[in-house]
């Protein structure tokens, strides 16, 4: 339990991947964050960044993968996740049912003909799909717990907090802060070692994007302060934000709060 965790950023974007010279520093893959807990891995979201993670995992790994919601940018990496083909791997997929449709049924709609040549049952890994919802506590190996909270996002969504009694990571991507939600979010993130936050829009753009289900780095910095989280990592950037633009925003954010960092693909944080 005392072994350090390693948090890795594999995808930083929202909506869809982007790929050109202006996106090399911060990255262009969609949301994926992993926590290496020593003997197993906890992953948040299966965006296109999951492909990069798959190339780094040893055979036979156990992965507990939590999907905040079933929008395509948060699931598109799953069919190309190398661990899915490893017969010695153990893969647990967690997501929320929708209107009587289980999470497994949602995945089977996406992964299978005519949208993909393989069905979920064709993959060789030991795959277990779990239905979860808001307000739950999910027990993981070695005393780890993932707690869930309802997000404010179109078609709903879940937020996650990973704890083991000595350290914690809070993953709050695809969430718009509202007045009723602000206090509950601060309680949910209280004292976290790392708060991963939705910084899709700038503070100036946000008033014109109300109702879109996203937030800004300024709101994340304020949440970090109120929740007394040690570090806030901003991600899920809008696709139009180039490296130059994000560098300018990161400087503004660091001047506002030195405990704020902007996510880059390949970033590693020791907890």
Protein backbone atom coordinates (compact mmCIF):
# COMPACT_ATOMS: atom_id res chain seq x y z
CA UNK A 1 0.00 0.00 0.00
CA UNK A 2 2.95 2.31 0.59
CA UNK A 3 4.28 1.97 -2.95
CA UNK A 4 4.04 5.24 -4.90
CA UNK A 5 1.42 5.59 -7.60
CA UNK A 6 2.32 6.82 -11.08
CA UNK A 7 -0.32 8.88 -12.87
CA UNK A 8 0.13 9.06 -16.66
CA UNK A 9 -1.62 11.26 -19.20
CA UNK A 10 -2.32 9.49 -22.52
CA UNK A 11 -4.98 11.73 -24.07
CA UNK A 12 -5.75 15.39 -23.44
CA UNK A 13 -8.48 16.38 -25.92
CA UNK A 14 -12.25 16.33 -26.03
CA UNK A 15 -14.74 15.61 -28.83
CA UNK A 16 -12.30 14.18 -31.39
CA UNK A 17 -8.57 13.59 -31.91
CA UNK A 18 -6.48 16.17 -33.75
CA UNK A 19 -3.20 15.60 -35.54
CA UNK A 20 -0.89 18.24 -37.00
CA UNK A 21 2.27 20.15 -36.16
CA UNK A 22 0.43 22.66 -33.96
CA UNK A 23 -0.65 19.95 -31.50
CA UNK A 24 2.59 18.10 -30.75
CA UNK A 25 3.41 19.57 -27.32
CA UNK A 26 0.10 19.07 -25.52
CA UNK A 27 -1.08 16.19 -27.68
CA UNK A 28 -4.07 15.40 -29.85
CA UNK A 29 -5.56 12.16 -28.48
CA UNK A 30 -8.86 12.12 -26.60
CA UNK A 31 -9.23 11.51 -22.87
CA UNK A 32 -7.30 8.74 -21.16
CA UNK A 33 -5.54 8.84 -17.77
CA UNK A 34 -3.98 5.84 -16.02
CA UNK A 35 -2.80 5.28 -12.46
CA UNK A 36 -0.12 2.61 -12.06
CA UNK A 37 -0.77 1.23 -8.59
CA UNK A 38 2.12 -1.26 -8.66
CA UNK A 39 0.42 -4.58 -9.33
CA UNK A 40 -2.55 -3.29 -11.30
CA UNK A 41 -3.75 -0.26 -13.22
CA UNK A 42 -6.75 2.01 -12.82
CA UNK A 43 -7.70 3.84 -16.03
CA UNK A 44 -10.14 6.70 -16.51
CA UNK A 45 -11.77 6.87 -19.95
CA UNK A 46 -10.99 4.92 -23.10
CA UNK A 47 -10.36 7.75 -25.55
CA UNK A 48 -7.90 7.40 -28.42
CA UNK A 49 -5.05 7.83 -25.90
CA UNK A 50 -5.80 4.30 -24.68
CA UNK A 51 -3.95 3.00 -27.74
CA UNK A 52 -0.72 4.55 -26.39
CA UNK A 53 -1.25 3.02 -22.96
CA UNK A 54 -1.76 -0.41 -24.52
CA UNK A 55 1.76 -0.35 -25.89
CA UNK A 56 3.23 0.13 -22.41
CA UNK A 57 1.42 -2.51 -20.34
CA UNK A 58 3.11 -5.85 -19.59
CA UNK A 59 1.32 -9.08 -20.61
CA UNK A 60 -1.08 -10.44 -18.03
CA UNK A 61 -1.90 -7.04 -16.53
CA UNK A 62 -5.08 -6.33 -14.61
CA UNK A 63 -6.79 -3.11 -15.65
CA UNK A 64 -9.87 -1.53 -14.06
CA UNK A 65 -11.17 0.93 -16.66
CA UNK A 66 -13.82 3.50 -15.68
CA UNK A 67 -15.75 5.30 -18.43
CA UNK A 68 -17.47 8.51 -17.41
CA UNK A 69 -20.04 8.20 -20.18
CA UNK A 70 -20.52 6.57 -23.57
CA UNK A 71 -19.80 9.52 -25.87
CA UNK A 72 -17.58 8.37 -28.71
CA UNK A 73 -14.52 10.42 -27.73
CA UNK A 74 -14.40 8.53 -24.41
CA UNK A 75 -14.67 5.03 -25.92
CA UNK A 76 -12.96 5.14 -29.31
CA UNK A 77 -9.70 3.69 -28.00
CA UNK A 78 -11.21 0.50 -26.62
CA UNK A 79 -11.34 -1.56 -29.87
CA UNK A 80 -7.62 -0.90 -30.47
CA UNK A 81 -6.48 -1.47 -26.87
CA UNK A 82 -3.78 -4.14 -27.16
CA UNK A 83 -4.64 -5.72 -23.82
CA UNK A 84 -8.01 -6.80 -25.28
CA UNK A 85 -6.13 -9.43 -27.32
CA UNK A 86 -4.06 -10.80 -24.40
CA UNK A 87 -5.56 -14.09 -23.10
CA UNK A 88 -3.62 -13.69 -19.84
CA UNK A 89 -4.96 -10.18 -19.16
CA UNK A 90 -7.81 -9.31 -16.80
CA UNK A 91 -9.87 -6.33 -17.90
CA UNK A 92 -12.73 -4.84 -15.90
CA UNK A 93 -14.86 -2.24 -17.69
CA UNK A 94 -17.13 0.03 -15.63
CA UNK A 95 -19.85 2.26 -17.04
CA UNK A 96 -23.40 3.45 -16.49
CA UNK A 97 -26.56 1.88 -17.94
CA UNK A 98 -28.73 4.20 -20.04
CA UNK A 99 -32.54 3.95 -20.25
CA UNK A 100 -32.58 0.23 -19.61
CA UNK A 101 -29.54 -0.46 -21.81
CA UNK A 102 -26.66 -2.02 -19.87
CA UNK A 103 -23.11 -0.80 -20.29
CA UNK A 104 -22.19 -4.08 -21.96
CA UNK A 105 -24.99 -3.60 -24.51
CA UNK A 106 -23.71 -0.09 -25.21
CA UNK A 107 -20.23 -1.46 -25.85
CA UNK A 108 -21.59 -4.25 -28.06
CA UNK A 109 -23.35 -1.64 -30.19
CA UNK A 110 -20.08 0.22 -30.76
CA UNK A 111 -17.70 -2.74 -30.98
CA UNK A 112 -19.02 -5.06 -33.66
CA UNK A 113 -20.33 -5.01 -37.25
CA UNK A 114 -20.97 -2.79 -39.06
CA UNK A 115 -18.89 -0.33 -37.01
CA UNK A 116 -16.00 -2.69 -36.14
CA UNK A 117 -14.97 -6.10 -37.54
CA UNK A 118 -14.66 -7.78 -34.12
CA UNK A 119 -17.38 -8.20 -31.53
CA UNK A 120 -16.70 -7.76 -27.83
CA UNK A 121 -16.89 -11.53 -27.36
CA UNK A 122 -14.15 -12.06 -29.97
CA UNK A 123 -11.42 -10.50 -27.85
CA UNK A 124 -9.25 -12.99 -25.94
CA UNK A 125 -8.72 -11.11 -22.67
CA UNK A 126 -10.76 -12.01 -19.59
CA UNK A 127 -13.26 -9.14 -19.85
CA UNK A 128 -15.86 -8.35 -17.19
CA UNK A 129 -18.31 -5.49 -17.73
CA UNK A 130 -19.78 -3.80 -14.66
CA UNK A 131 -22.83 -1.53 -14.45
CA UNK A 132 -22.24 1.35 -12.06
CA UNK A 133 -24.01 4.59 -11.15
CA UNK A 134 -23.60 7.75 -9.07
CA UNK A 135 -23.05 7.53 -5.33
CA UNK A 136 -21.36 4.13 -5.41
CA UNK A 137 -18.13 2.79 -3.90
CA UNK A 138 -16.37 0.12 -5.95
CA UNK A 139 -13.86 -2.10 -4.15
CA UNK A 140 -10.65 -2.85 -6.06
CA UNK A 141 -7.63 -5.02 -5.17
CA UNK A 142 -5.22 -4.02 -2.37
CA UNK A 143 -7.70 -1.85 -0.50
CA UNK A 144 -8.36 0.66 -3.27
CA UNK A 145 -11.82 2.20 -3.62
CA UNK A 146 -13.32 4.16 -6.51
CA UNK A 147 -16.24 6.39 -5.55
CA UNK A 148 -18.60 7.89 -8.12
CA UNK A 149 -20.53 11.13 -8.40
CA UNK A 150 -23.04 12.48 -10.92
CA UNK A 151 -21.57 14.92 -13.45
CA UNK A 152 -23.38 17.83 -15.09
CA UNK A 153 -23.07 16.92 -18.76
CA UNK A 154 -25.38 16.26 -21.75
CA UNK A 155 -26.66 12.64 -21.53
CA UNK A 156 -25.31 12.65 -17.95
CA UNK A 157 -22.00 11.18 -16.83
CA UNK A 158 -19.94 10.08 -13.84
CA UNK A 159 -16.99 11.54 -11.95
CA UNK A 160 -14.51 9.34 -10.08
CA UNK A 161 -12.34 9.40 -6.96
CA UNK A 162 -9.66 6.75 -6.42
CA UNK A 163 -8.48 6.24 -2.81
CA UNK A 164 -6.40 3.73 -0.87
CA UNK A 165 -6.42 5.44 2.53
CA UNK A 166 -3.10 7.23 1.99
CA UNK A 167 -3.50 8.98 -1.38
CA UNK A 168 -6.23 9.93 -3.83
CA UNK A 169 -6.89 10.95 -7.43
CA UNK A 170 -10.09 12.74 -8.47
CA UNK A 171 -11.07 12.59 -12.15
CA UNK A 172 -13.66 15.22 -13.05
CA UNK A 173 -13.69 15.50 -16.85
CA UNK A 174 -16.82 16.45 -18.84
CA UNK A 175 -18.50 18.39 -16.07
CA UNK A 176 -19.99 21.87 -15.92
CA UNK A 177 -20.00 23.56 -12.53
CA UNK A 178 -23.40 24.78 -11.41
CA UNK A 179 -24.32 26.43 -8.13
CA UNK A 180 -26.01 23.29 -6.71
CA UNK A 181 -23.03 21.16 -7.76
CA UNK A 182 -20.18 23.35 -6.50
CA UNK A 183 -20.35 22.40 -2.81
CA UNK A 184 -20.78 18.69 -3.54
CA UNK A 185 -17.82 18.76 -5.93
CA UNK A 186 -15.64 20.41 -3.29
CA UNK A 187 -16.60 17.70 -0.80
CA UNK A 188 -15.94 14.98 -3.39
CA UNK A 189 -12.45 16.35 -4.17
CA UNK A 190 -11.56 17.31 -0.58
CA UNK A 191 -7.87 16.84 0.17
CA UNK A 192 -7.09 15.00 -3.08
CA UNK A 193 -3.47 14.58 -4.09
CA UNK A 194 -4.38 15.19 -7.74
CA UNK A 195 -7.51 16.75 -9.21
CA UNK A 196 -7.87 16.13 -12.96
CA UNK A 197 -10.19 18.82 -14.28
CA UNK A 198 -12.17 19.70 -17.41
CA UNK A 199 -10.59 22.79 -18.99
CA UNK A 200 -12.38 22.58 -22.33
CA UNK A 201 -12.95 26.35 -22.62
CA UNK A 202 -11.19 29.50 -21.48
CA UNK A 203 -12.77 31.67 -18.76
CA UNK A 204 -13.61 34.26 -21.45
CA UNK A 205 -15.33 31.74 -23.75
CA UNK A 206 -17.26 29.92 -21.07
CA UNK A 207 -20.24 32.32 -20.72
CA UNK A 208 -21.17 31.60 -24.35
CA UNK A 209 -20.86 27.83 -23.77
CA UNK A 210 -23.19 27.43 -20.80
CA UNK A 211 -25.16 24.22 -21.02
CA UNK A 212 -22.47 22.44 -23.04
CA UNK A 213 -21.33 20.40 -20.01
CA UNK A 214 -17.78 21.75 -19.73
CA UNK A 215 -15.71 24.13 -17.63
CA UNK A 216 -12.56 26.30 -17.59
CA UNK A 217 -9.17 26.22 -15.91
CA UNK A 218 -10.22 29.13 -13.67
CA UNK A 219 -13.11 27.08 -12.27
CA UNK A 220 -10.77 24.15 -11.75
CA UNK A 221 -8.28 26.34 -9.89
CA UNK A 222 -11.04 27.61 -7.62
CA UNK A 223 -12.24 24.08 -6.95
CA UNK A 224 -8.68 23.03 -6.10
CA UNK A 225 -8.44 25.91 -3.61
CA UNK A 226 -11.76 25.20 -1.91
CA UNK A 227 -11.18 21.43 -1.84
CA UNK A 228 -7.56 21.91 -0.71
CA UNK A 229 -6.32 19.50 -3.37
CA UNK A 230 -2.55 19.47 -3.73
CA UNK A 231 -2.37 19.65 -7.54
CA UNK A 232 -4.85 20.39 -10.32
CA UNK A 233 -4.20 19.05 -13.83
CA UNK A 234 -6.20 20.64 -16.64
CA UNK A 235 -7.18 18.66 -19.75
CA UNK A 236 -9.98 17.85 -22.25
CA UNK A 237 -8.98 20.88 -24.34
CA UNK A 238 -11.12 22.15 -27.19
CA UNK A 239 -9.78 21.00 -30.56
CA UNK A 240 -9.00 24.51 -31.73
CA UNK A 241 -6.50 25.13 -28.93
CA UNK A 242 -3.02 24.90 -30.45
CA UNK A 243 0.22 24.48 -28.52
CA UNK A 244 0.90 28.22 -28.65
CA UNK A 245 -2.57 29.03 -27.37
CA UNK A 246 -2.39 26.51 -24.53
CA UNK A 247 1.07 27.72 -23.53
CA UNK A 248 -0.39 31.20 -23.07
CA UNK A 249 -3.31 29.86 -21.05
CA UNK A 250 -1.01 27.76 -18.88
CA UNK A 251 1.09 30.81 -18.03
CA UNK A 252 -2.03 32.69 -16.99
CA UNK A 253 -3.21 29.77 -14.89
CA UNK A 254 0.19 29.31 -13.19
CA UNK A 255 0.28 32.99 -12.30
CA UNK A 256 -3.21 32.65 -10.84
CA UNK A 257 -2.42 29.39 -8.97
CA UNK A 258 1.05 27.76 -8.94
CA UNK A 259 -0.58 24.39 -8.12
CA UNK A 260 -2.21 24.25 -11.57
CA UNK A 261 -0.61 22.37 -14.48
CA UNK A 262 -1.83 21.72 -18.01
CA UNK A 263 -1.82 18.10 -19.17
CA UNK A 264 0.53 16.97 -21.91
CA UNK A 265 0.56 13.53 -23.48
CA UNK A 266 3.28 11.53 -21.74
CA UNK A 267 3.09 13.56 -18.52
CA UNK A 268 3.81 11.53 -15.39
CA UNK A 269 3.03 12.51 -11.80
CA UNK A 270 4.23 10.53 -8.78
CA UNK A 271 1.75 10.33 -5.92
